[in-house]
Amino acid sequence: MLAKRIIPCLDVDDGRVVKGVKFQGLHDAGDPVALARRYNQEGADELTFLDIGASYKSRATLLEVVRQVAAEVFIPLCVGGGIRRVADMREAMNAGADKVSVCTAALQNPDILRDMARSYGSQCVVLSIDAKRVGEDPEGKPRWHAFSHGGRTDTGIDAIAWAVKATELGAGEILLNSIDADGTGAGYDLPLIRRVLAAVPVPVIASGGAGTLEQIAQVLLPQEKGSEDRGNADAALVASLLHFGKTSIPHIKGYIASKGGCVRW
């Protein structure tokens, strides 16, 4: 069994980490460099930095944060938000990122995924999908659309079909954000995660909804026969639980291991 990854997510705006609910109502959650240092010491498998302002000014601020963090930590860094061109990817990689995450730019110009993969390799290209449930298909199964511009715009594009196309173009990993679950603490969107996992050949990172250790274990552990309460995602993004001191990475990993999961220590 491959080890499951625990990835703290730092949403950075104007040099500070912020957190909200369903992409709204943002509150200050701390200094990104201090938090990154702490998570590195606790045993995080990776760190994800998302520039939620996504303007040129905010991206420049984020890149300075990445430079500071890269000088101190020794785990992979993923940077996203405002990455619109290969040149933006190059700036992030030169600042110390190991891979980049793209969302809106890829929806507007899917070929950017191919260009990035050709420039740096698929392992450096993460497609971020902000997915929101929009109803049901004729067979009564849930449907999700991919949203752009920080979850504000419904593109009308089916999220699962988009994940498939993106991996064909060169995305080496999917960061799957549930807008419905984000910041609620009510648990990950397991049906969405299972649908995407079944459709793509690349790792899937589950994001949005972590409220308890049990929920994190649920999204990572393999499904048991006849059960639909597990996700089997390759990694879990965690934010509020960590930022506000409700738990720690060693506690998360210890709990997953106690349930039979494989984690890196």
C-alpha atoms as a PDB file:
ATOM      1  CA  MET A   1       0.000   0.000   0.000  1.00  0.00           C
ATOM      2  CA  LEU A   2       1.329   3.441  -0.917  1.00  0.00           C
ATOM      3  CA  ALA A   3       1.733   5.841   1.986  1.00  0.00           C
ATOM      4  CA  LYS A   4      -1.027   8.408   2.252  1.00  0.00           C
ATOM      5  CA  ARG A   5       0.069  12.049   2.359  1.00  0.00           C
ATOM      6  CA  ILE A   6      -1.035  14.744   4.785  1.00  0.00           C
ATOM      7  CA  ILE A   7      -0.706  18.175   3.188  1.00  0.00           C
ATOM      8  CA  PRO A   8      -1.339  21.395   5.114  1.00  0.00           C
ATOM      9  CA  CYS A   9      -2.881  24.059   2.878  1.00  0.00           C
ATOM     10  CA  LEU A  10      -2.002  27.693   3.370  1.00  0.00           C
ATOM     11  CA  ASP A  11      -4.366  30.101   1.601  1.00  0.00           C
ATOM     12  CA  VAL A  12      -2.296  33.267   1.439  1.00  0.00           C
ATOM     13  CA  ASP A  13      -3.704  36.762   0.945  1.00  0.00           C
ATOM     14  CA  ASP A  14      -1.562  39.899   1.308  1.00  0.00           C
ATOM     15  CA  GLY A  15       1.158  37.907   3.064  1.00  0.00           C
ATOM     16  CA  ARG A  16      -1.098  36.252   5.665  1.00  0.00           C
ATOM     17  CA  VAL A  17      -2.764  32.842   5.892  1.00  0.00           C
ATOM     18  CA  VAL A  18      -6.568  33.117   5.824  1.00  0.00           C
ATOM     19  CA  LYS A  19      -9.430  30.637   6.074  1.00  0.00           C
ATOM     20  CA  GLY A  20     -13.131  30.847   5.373  1.00  0.00           C
ATOM     21  CA  VAL A  21     -16.198  28.683   4.786  1.00  0.00           C
ATOM     22  CA  LYS A  22     -17.227  27.700   1.246  1.00  0.00           C
ATOM     23  CA  PHE A  23     -14.616  30.173  -0.074  1.00  0.00           C
ATOM     24  CA  GLN A  24     -16.221  33.108   1.812  1.00  0.00           C
ATOM     25  CA  GLY A  25     -15.926  34.953   5.154  1.00  0.00           C
ATOM     26  CA  LEU A  26     -12.120  34.892   5.377  1.00  0.00           C
ATOM     27  CA  HIS A  27     -10.393  35.163   8.755  1.00  0.00           C
ATOM     28  CA  ASP A  28      -6.717  35.597   9.591  1.00  0.00           C
ATOM     29  CA  ALA A  29      -5.057  32.286  10.467  1.00  0.00           C
ATOM     30  CA  GLY A  30      -1.441  33.276  11.002  1.00  0.00           C
ATOM     31  CA  ASP A  31       1.965  33.911   9.506  1.00  0.00           C
ATOM     32  CA  PRO A  32       2.689  31.580   6.564  1.00  0.00           C
ATOM     33  CA  VAL A  33       6.397  31.188   7.279  1.00  0.00           C
ATOM     34  CA  ALA A  34       5.807  30.343  10.935  1.00  0.00           C
ATOM     35  CA  LEU A  35       3.061  27.865  10.064  1.00  0.00           C
ATOM     36  CA  ALA A  36       5.159  26.242   7.336  1.00  0.00           C
ATOM     37  CA  ARG A  37       8.062  25.858   9.748  1.00  0.00           C
ATOM     38  CA  ARG A  38       5.788  24.223  12.306  1.00  0.00           C
ATOM     39  CA  TYR A  39       4.233  21.812   9.831  1.00  0.00           C
ATOM     40  CA  ASN A  40       7.645  20.827   8.500  1.00  0.00           C
ATOM     41  CA  GLN A  41       8.780  20.027  12.047  1.00  0.00           C
ATOM     42  CA  GLU A  42       5.587  18.059  12.719  1.00  0.00           C
ATOM     43  CA  GLY A  43       6.130  15.803   9.711  1.00  0.00           C
ATOM     44  CA  ALA A  44       3.931  17.166   6.921  1.00  0.00           C
ATOM     45  CA  ASP A  45       4.492  15.311   3.657  1.00  0.00           C
ATOM     46  CA  GLU A  46       4.096  18.442   1.519  1.00  0.00           C
ATOM     47  CA  LEU A  47       2.915  22.038   1.763  1.00  0.00           C
ATOM     48  CA  THR A  48       0.464  23.773  -0.550  1.00  0.00           C
ATOM     49  CA  PHE A  49       0.405  27.554  -0.919  1.00  0.00           C
ATOM     50  CA  LEU A  50      -2.564  29.097  -2.701  1.00  0.00           C
ATOM     51  CA  ASP A  51      -2.578  32.787  -3.599  1.00  0.00           C
ATOM     52  CA  ILE A  52      -6.270  33.522  -3.216  1.00  0.00           C
ATOM     53  CA  GLY A  53      -5.844  37.147  -4.284  1.00  0.00           C
ATOM     54  CA  ALA A  54      -4.292  35.986  -7.553  1.00  0.00           C
ATOM     55  CA  SER A  55      -3.327  39.500  -8.641  1.00  0.00           C
ATOM     56  CA  TYR A  56       0.160  40.398  -9.762  1.00  0.00           C
ATOM     57  CA  LYS A  57       0.813  42.148  -6.426  1.00  0.00           C
ATOM     58  CA  SER A  58      -0.432  39.271  -4.314  1.00  0.00           C
ATOM     59  CA  ARG A  59       1.490  36.720  -6.386  1.00  0.00           C
ATOM     60  CA  ALA A  60       4.693  38.686  -5.867  1.00  0.00           C
ATOM     61  CA  THR A  61       3.996  38.621  -2.123  1.00  0.00           C
ATOM     62  CA  LEU A  62       3.357  34.888  -2.237  1.00  0.00           C
ATOM     63  CA  LEU A  63       6.570  34.219  -4.144  1.00  0.00           C
ATOM     64  CA  GLU A  64       8.524  36.041  -1.462  1.00  0.00           C
ATOM     65  CA  VAL A  65       6.835  33.815   1.138  1.00  0.00           C
ATOM     66  CA  VAL A  66       7.778  30.741  -0.911  1.00  0.00           C
ATOM     67  CA  ARG A  67      11.415  31.904  -1.039  1.00  0.00           C
ATOM     68  CA  GLN A  68      11.489  32.278   2.737  1.00  0.00           C
ATOM     69  CA  VAL A  69       9.854  28.904   3.321  1.00  0.00           C
ATOM     70  CA  ALA A  70      12.001  27.065   0.754  1.00  0.00           C
ATOM     71  CA  ALA A  71      15.073  28.232   2.648  1.00  0.00           C
ATOM     72  CA  GLU A  72      13.831  26.566   5.838  1.00  0.00           C
ATOM     73  CA  VAL A  73      11.844  23.449   5.008  1.00  0.00           C
ATOM     74  CA  PHE A  74      12.746  20.249   3.223  1.00  0.00           C
ATOM     75  CA  ILE A  75       9.445  18.919   1.923  1.00  0.00           C
ATOM     76  CA  PRO A  76       7.801  19.499  -1.482  1.00  0.00           C
ATOM     77  CA  LEU A  77       6.091  22.857  -2.007  1.00  0.00           C
ATOM     78  CA  CYS A  78       3.147  23.340  -4.359  1.00  0.00           C
ATOM     79  CA  VAL A  79       2.217  26.899  -5.345  1.00  0.00           C
ATOM     80  CA  GLY A  80      -1.052  27.946  -6.959  1.00  0.00           C
ATOM     81  CA  GLY A  81      -3.204  30.972  -7.667  1.00  0.00           C
ATOM     82  CA  GLY A  82      -2.600  33.439 -10.454  1.00  0.00           C
ATOM     83  CA  ILE A  83      -0.525  30.959 -12.492  1.00  0.00           C
ATOM     84  CA  ARG A  84      -1.631  31.816 -16.028  1.00  0.00           C
ATOM     85  CA  ARG A  85       1.415  31.153 -18.210  1.00  0.00           C
ATOM     86  CA  VAL A  86       4.499  28.972 -18.312  1.00  0.00           C
ATOM     87  CA  ALA A  87       6.405  32.133 -17.365  1.00  0.00           C
ATOM     88  CA  ASP A  88       4.384  32.314 -14.108  1.00  0.00           C
ATOM     89  CA  MET A  89       5.213  28.670 -13.459  1.00  0.00           C
ATOM     90  CA  ARG A  90       8.878  29.435 -14.043  1.00  0.00           C
ATOM     91  CA  GLU A  91       8.761  32.254 -11.480  1.00  0.00           C
ATOM     92  CA  ALA A  92       7.225  29.931  -8.895  1.00  0.00           C
ATOM     93  CA  MET A  93       9.730  27.151  -9.569  1.00  0.00           C
ATOM     94  CA  ASN A  94      12.624  29.605  -9.373  1.00  0.00           C
ATOM     95  CA  ALA A  95      11.281  30.823  -6.025  1.00  0.00           C
ATOM     96  CA  GLY A  96      11.478  27.287  -4.631  1.00  0.00           C
ATOM     97  CA  ALA A  97       8.246  25.563  -5.641  1.00  0.00           C
ATOM     98  CA  ASP A  98       8.487  21.903  -6.623  1.00  0.00           C
ATOM     99  CA  LYS A  99       5.209  21.987  -8.528  1.00  0.00           C
ATOM    100  CA  VAL A 100       2.425  24.402  -9.388  1.00  0.00           C
ATOM    101  CA  SER A 101      -1.336  24.255  -9.234  1.00  0.00           C
ATOM    102  CA  VAL A 102      -3.556  25.785 -11.923  1.00  0.00           C
ATOM    103  CA  CYS A 103      -7.328  26.204 -11.956  1.00  0.00           C
ATOM    104  CA  THR A 104      -8.956  29.100 -13.818  1.00  0.00           C
ATOM    105  CA  ALA A 105      -6.180  29.476 -16.402  1.00  0.00           C
ATOM    106  CA  ALA A 106      -6.492  25.818 -17.396  1.00  0.00           C
ATOM    107  CA  LEU A 107     -10.258  26.093 -17.778  1.00  0.00           C
ATOM    108  CA  GLN A 108      -9.806  29.105 -20.047  1.00  0.00           C
ATOM    109  CA  ASN A 109      -6.899  27.605 -21.979  1.00  0.00           C
ATOM    110  CA  PRO A 110      -6.552  23.826 -21.477  1.00  0.00           C
ATOM    111  CA  ASP A 111      -3.419  23.719 -23.629  1.00  0.00           C
ATOM    112  CA  ILE A 112      -1.517  25.437 -20.808  1.00  0.00           C
ATOM    113  CA  LEU A 113      -1.396  22.026 -19.108  1.00  0.00           C
ATOM    114  CA  ARG A 114       0.376  20.510 -22.104  1.00  0.00           C
ATOM    115  CA  ASP A 115       2.789  23.443 -22.299  1.00  0.00           C
ATOM    116  CA  MET A 116       3.639  23.203 -18.602  1.00  0.00           C
ATOM    117  CA  ALA A 117       4.116  19.450 -18.747  1.00  0.00           C
ATOM    118  CA  ARG A 118       6.439  19.792 -21.738  1.00  0.00           C
ATOM    119  CA  SER A 119       8.453  22.463 -19.920  1.00  0.00           C
ATOM    120  CA  TYR A 120       8.766  20.855 -16.488  1.00  0.00           C
ATOM    121  CA  GLY A 121       7.206  17.383 -16.621  1.00  0.00           C
ATOM    122  CA  SER A 122       3.747  16.175 -15.615  1.00  0.00           C
ATOM    123  CA  GLN A 123       4.937  15.555 -12.050  1.00  0.00           C
ATOM    124  CA  CYS A 124       5.179  19.341 -11.615  1.00  0.00           C
ATOM    125  CA  VAL A 125       1.676  20.101 -12.932  1.00  0.00           C
ATOM    126  CA  VAL A 126      -1.273  19.927 -10.533  1.00  0.00           C
ATOM    127  CA  LEU A 127      -4.777  20.619 -11.812  1.00  0.00           C
ATOM    128  CA  SER A 128      -6.884  22.249  -9.131  1.00  0.00           C
ATOM    129  CA  ILE A 129     -10.620  21.635  -9.578  1.00  0.00           C
ATOM    130  CA  ASP A 130     -13.060  23.736  -7.547  1.00  0.00           C
ATOM    131  CA  ALA A 131     -16.121  21.511  -7.810  1.00  0.00           C
ATOM    132  CA  LYS A 132     -19.670  22.240  -6.713  1.00  0.00           C
ATOM    133  CA  ARG A 133     -22.681  19.966  -6.885  1.00  0.00           C
ATOM    134  CA  VAL A 134     -25.249  21.296  -9.354  1.00  0.00           C
ATOM    135  CA  GLY A 135     -27.937  18.643  -9.271  1.00  0.00           C
ATOM    136  CA  GLU A 136     -28.384  15.173 -10.709  1.00  0.00           C
ATOM    137  CA  ASP A 137     -28.076  13.519 -14.088  1.00  0.00           C
ATOM    138  CA  PRO A 138     -31.018  11.698 -15.755  1.00  0.00           C
ATOM    139  CA  GLU A 139     -30.069   8.540 -13.833  1.00  0.00           C
ATOM    140  CA  GLY A 140     -30.276  10.323 -10.496  1.00  0.00           C
ATOM    141  CA  LYS A 141     -26.518  10.438  -9.907  1.00  0.00           C
ATOM    142  CA  PRO A 142     -24.925  13.615  -8.506  1.00  0.00           C
ATOM    143  CA  ARG A 143     -23.399  16.078 -10.969  1.00  0.00           C
ATOM    144  CA  TRP A 144     -20.607  18.525 -10.222  1.00  0.00           C
ATOM    145  CA  HIS A 145     -19.393  21.462 -12.274  1.00  0.00           C
ATOM    146  CA  ALA A 146     -15.909  22.941 -12.290  1.00  0.00           C
ATOM    147  CA  PHE A 147     -15.977  26.536 -11.044  1.00  0.00           C
ATOM    148  CA  SER A 148     -13.427  29.223 -11.886  1.00  0.00           C
ATOM    149  CA  HIS A 149     -12.261  32.523 -10.356  1.00  0.00           C
ATOM    150  CA  GLY A 150     -12.017  31.272  -6.787  1.00  0.00           C
ATOM    151  CA  GLY A 151     -15.291  29.383  -6.883  1.00  0.00           C
ATOM    152  CA  ARG A 152     -17.320  32.356  -8.107  1.00  0.00           C
ATOM    153  CA  THR A 153     -18.044  31.346 -11.715  1.00  0.00           C
ATOM    154  CA  ASP A 154     -19.852  28.219 -12.880  1.00  0.00           C
ATOM    155  CA  THR A 155     -18.155  27.179 -16.106  1.00  0.00           C
ATOM    156  CA  GLY A 156     -20.835  24.610 -16.905  1.00  0.00           C
ATOM    157  CA  ILE A 157     -18.054  22.047 -17.402  1.00  0.00           C
ATOM    158  CA  ASP A 158     -18.571  18.630 -15.841  1.00  0.00           C
ATOM    159  CA  ALA A 159     -15.907  18.248 -13.140  1.00  0.00           C
ATOM    160  CA  ILE A 160     -15.242  14.553 -13.738  1.00  0.00           C
ATOM    161  CA  ALA A 161     -14.952  14.963 -17.518  1.00  0.00           C
ATOM    162  CA  TRP A 162     -12.619  17.916 -16.948  1.00  0.00           C
ATOM    163  CA  ALA A 163     -10.369  15.824 -14.707  1.00  0.00           C
ATOM    164  CA  VAL A 164     -10.111  13.174 -17.429  1.00  0.00           C
ATOM    165  CA  LYS A 165      -9.292  15.696 -20.157  1.00  0.00           C
ATOM    166  CA  ALA A 166      -6.726  17.465 -17.980  1.00  0.00           C
ATOM    167  CA  THR A 167      -4.772  14.298 -17.269  1.00  0.00           C
ATOM    168  CA  GLU A 168      -4.743  13.505 -20.983  1.00  0.00           C
ATOM    169  CA  LEU A 169      -3.245  16.954 -21.597  1.00  0.00           C
ATOM    170  CA  GLY A 170      -0.500  16.484 -19.016  1.00  0.00           C
ATOM    171  CA  ALA A 171      -1.706  17.133 -15.476  1.00  0.00           C
ATOM    172  CA  GLY A 172       0.133  14.737 -13.186  1.00  0.00           C
ATOM    173  CA  GLU A 173      -2.071  15.186 -10.141  1.00  0.00           C
ATOM    174  CA  ILE A 174      -5.571  16.414  -9.269  1.00  0.00           C
ATOM    175  CA  LEU A 175      -6.234  18.735  -6.334  1.00  0.00           C
ATOM    176  CA  LEU A 176      -9.964  18.222  -5.832  1.00  0.00           C
ATOM    177  CA  ASN A 177     -11.613  21.013  -3.850  1.00  0.00           C
ATOM    178  CA  SER A 178     -15.227  20.612  -2.775  1.00  0.00           C
ATOM    179  CA  ILE A 179     -16.812  24.069  -2.565  1.00  0.00           C
ATOM    180  CA  ASP A 180     -19.807  22.550  -0.763  1.00  0.00           C
ATOM    181  CA  ALA A 181     -17.619  21.087   1.986  1.00  0.00           C
ATOM    182  CA  ASP A 182     -14.912  23.766   2.232  1.00  0.00           C
ATOM    183  CA  GLY A 183     -14.368  24.988   5.786  1.00  0.00           C
ATOM    184  CA  THR A 184     -17.538  23.323   7.104  1.00  0.00           C
ATOM    185  CA  GLY A 185     -15.821  20.622   9.152  1.00  0.00           C
ATOM    186  CA  ALA A 186     -18.593  18.270   8.028  1.00  0.00           C
ATOM    187  CA  GLY A 187     -16.296  15.876   6.189  1.00  0.00           C
ATOM    188  CA  TYR A 188     -14.943  15.469   2.674  1.00  0.00           C
ATOM    189  CA  ASP A 189     -17.215  14.973  -0.329  1.00  0.00           C
ATOM    190  CA  LEU A 190     -16.636  11.225  -0.619  1.00  0.00           C
ATOM    191  CA  PRO A 191     -18.930  10.610  -3.640  1.00  0.00           C
ATOM    192  CA  LEU A 192     -17.095  13.312  -5.620  1.00  0.00           C
ATOM    193  CA  ILE A 193     -13.688  11.948  -4.649  1.00  0.00           C
ATOM    194  CA  ARG A 194     -14.590   8.373  -5.547  1.00  0.00           C
ATOM    195  CA  ARG A 195     -15.956   9.450  -8.941  1.00  0.00           C
ATOM    196  CA  VAL A 196     -12.778  11.317  -9.870  1.00  0.00           C
ATOM    197  CA  LEU A 197     -10.491   8.570  -8.553  1.00  0.00           C
ATOM    198  CA  ALA A 198     -12.298   6.023 -10.692  1.00  0.00           C
ATOM    199  CA  ALA A 199     -11.944   8.219 -13.783  1.00  0.00           C
ATOM    200  CA  VAL A 200      -8.282   9.285 -13.765  1.00  0.00           C
ATOM    201  CA  PRO A 201      -4.937   7.436 -13.645  1.00  0.00           C
ATOM    202  CA  VAL A 202      -3.135  10.047 -11.519  1.00  0.00           C
ATOM    203  CA  PRO A 203      -3.061  10.771  -7.766  1.00  0.00           C
ATOM    204  CA  VAL A 204      -5.995  12.681  -6.302  1.00  0.00           C
ATOM    205  CA  ILE A 205      -5.665  15.039  -3.340  1.00  0.00           C
ATOM    206  CA  ALA A 206      -8.908  15.468  -1.385  1.00  0.00           C
ATOM    207  CA  SER A 207      -9.640  18.998  -0.185  1.00  0.00           C
ATOM    208  CA  GLY A 208     -12.462  20.637   1.717  1.00  0.00           C
ATOM    209  CA  GLY A 209     -14.377  19.619   4.828  1.00  0.00           C
ATOM    210  CA  ALA A 210     -11.896  18.107   7.290  1.00  0.00           C
ATOM    211  CA  GLY A 211     -13.409  18.422  10.763  1.00  0.00           C
ATOM    212  CA  THR A 212     -12.284  15.326  12.661  1.00  0.00           C
ATOM    213  CA  LEU A 213      -9.522  12.733  12.599  1.00  0.00           C
ATOM    214  CA  GLU A 214     -12.117  10.148  11.627  1.00  0.00           C
ATOM    215  CA  GLN A 215     -13.094  12.153   8.544  1.00  0.00           C
ATOM    216  CA  ILE A 216      -9.476  12.414   7.408  1.00  0.00           C
ATOM    217  CA  ALA A 217      -9.061   8.664   7.841  1.00  0.00           C
ATOM    218  CA  GLN A 218     -12.295   8.049   5.931  1.00  0.00           C
ATOM    219  CA  VAL A 219     -11.144   9.973   2.888  1.00  0.00           C
ATOM    220  CA  LEU A 220      -7.783   8.186   2.770  1.00  0.00           C
ATOM    221  CA  LEU A 221      -8.514   4.561   3.680  1.00  0.00           C
ATOM    222  CA  PRO A 222      -9.425   2.033   0.962  1.00  0.00           C
ATOM    223  CA  GLN A 223     -13.061   1.117   0.627  1.00  0.00           C
ATOM    224  CA  GLU A 224     -14.231  -2.093   2.198  1.00  0.00           C
ATOM    225  CA  LYS A 225     -16.506  -4.365   0.223  1.00  0.00           C
ATOM    226  CA  GLY A 226     -20.055  -3.076   0.228  1.00  0.00           C
ATOM    227  CA  SER A 227     -19.080   0.156   1.978  1.00  0.00           C
ATOM    228  CA  GLU A 228     -19.340   3.715   0.671  1.00  0.00           C
ATOM    229  CA  ASP A 229     -18.005   5.590   3.711  1.00  0.00           C
ATOM    230  CA  ARG A 230     -14.389   5.747   2.540  1.00  0.00           C
ATOM    231  CA  GLY A 231     -12.630   7.613  -0.233  1.00  0.00           C
ATOM    232  CA  ASN A 232      -9.192   6.021  -0.854  1.00  0.00           C
ATOM    233  CA  ALA A 233      -7.729   9.378  -1.925  1.00  0.00           C
ATOM    234  CA  ASP A 234      -3.956   9.535  -2.309  1.00  0.00           C
ATOM    235  CA  ALA A 235      -3.596  12.565  -0.031  1.00  0.00           C
ATOM    236  CA  ALA A 236      -5.658  14.835   2.182  1.00  0.00           C
ATOM    237  CA  LEU A 237      -5.406  18.606   2.312  1.00  0.00           C
ATOM    238  CA  VAL A 238      -5.955  19.959   5.826  1.00  0.00           C
ATOM    239  CA  ALA A 239      -6.276  23.610   6.838  1.00  0.00           C
ATOM    240  CA  SER A 240      -8.509  24.839   9.676  1.00  0.00           C
ATOM    241  CA  LEU A 241      -7.916  21.845  11.945  1.00  0.00           C
ATOM    242  CA  LEU A 242      -4.191  22.561  11.890  1.00  0.00           C
ATOM    243  CA  HIS A 243      -4.134  26.357  11.686  1.00  0.00           C
ATOM    244  CA  PHE A 244      -6.354  26.800  14.742  1.00  0.00           C
ATOM    245  CA  GLY A 245      -4.627  24.160  16.857  1.00  0.00           C
ATOM    246  CA  LYS A 246      -7.440  21.609  16.929  1.00  0.00           C
ATOM    247  CA  THR A 247      -5.037  18.787  16.100  1.00  0.00           C
ATOM    248  CA  SER A 248      -1.522  18.170  14.811  1.00  0.00           C
ATOM    249  CA  ILE A 249       0.056  16.200  11.983  1.00  0.00           C
ATOM    250  CA  PRO A 250       1.455  13.512  14.352  1.00  0.00           C
ATOM    251  CA  HIS A 251      -2.033  13.023  15.790  1.00  0.00           C
ATOM    252  CA  ILE A 252      -3.544  12.748  12.313  1.00  0.00           C
ATOM    253  CA  LYS A 253      -0.950  10.230  11.166  1.00  0.00           C
ATOM    254  CA  GLY A 254      -1.204   8.259  14.385  1.00  0.00           C
ATOM    255  CA  TYR A 255      -4.962   7.959  14.007  1.00  0.00           C
ATOM    256  CA  ILE A 256      -4.740   6.851  10.373  1.00  0.00           C
ATOM    257  CA  ALA A 257      -2.108   4.247  11.284  1.00  0.00           C
ATOM    258  CA  SER A 258      -4.331   2.974  14.107  1.00  0.00           C
ATOM    259  CA  LYS A 259      -7.038   2.336  11.524  1.00  0.00           C
ATOM    260  CA  GLY A 260      -4.713   0.324   9.302  1.00  0.00           C
ATOM    261  CA  GLY A 261      -3.605   3.109   6.965  1.00  0.00           C
ATOM    262  CA  CYS A 262      -0.049   3.557   5.721  1.00  0.00           C
ATOM    263  CA  VAL A 263       1.610   6.914   6.463  1.00  0.00           C
ATOM    264  CA  ARG A 264       5.137   8.344   6.316  1.00  0.00           C
ATOM    265  CA  TRP A 265       6.778   9.049   9.666  1.00  0.00           C
END
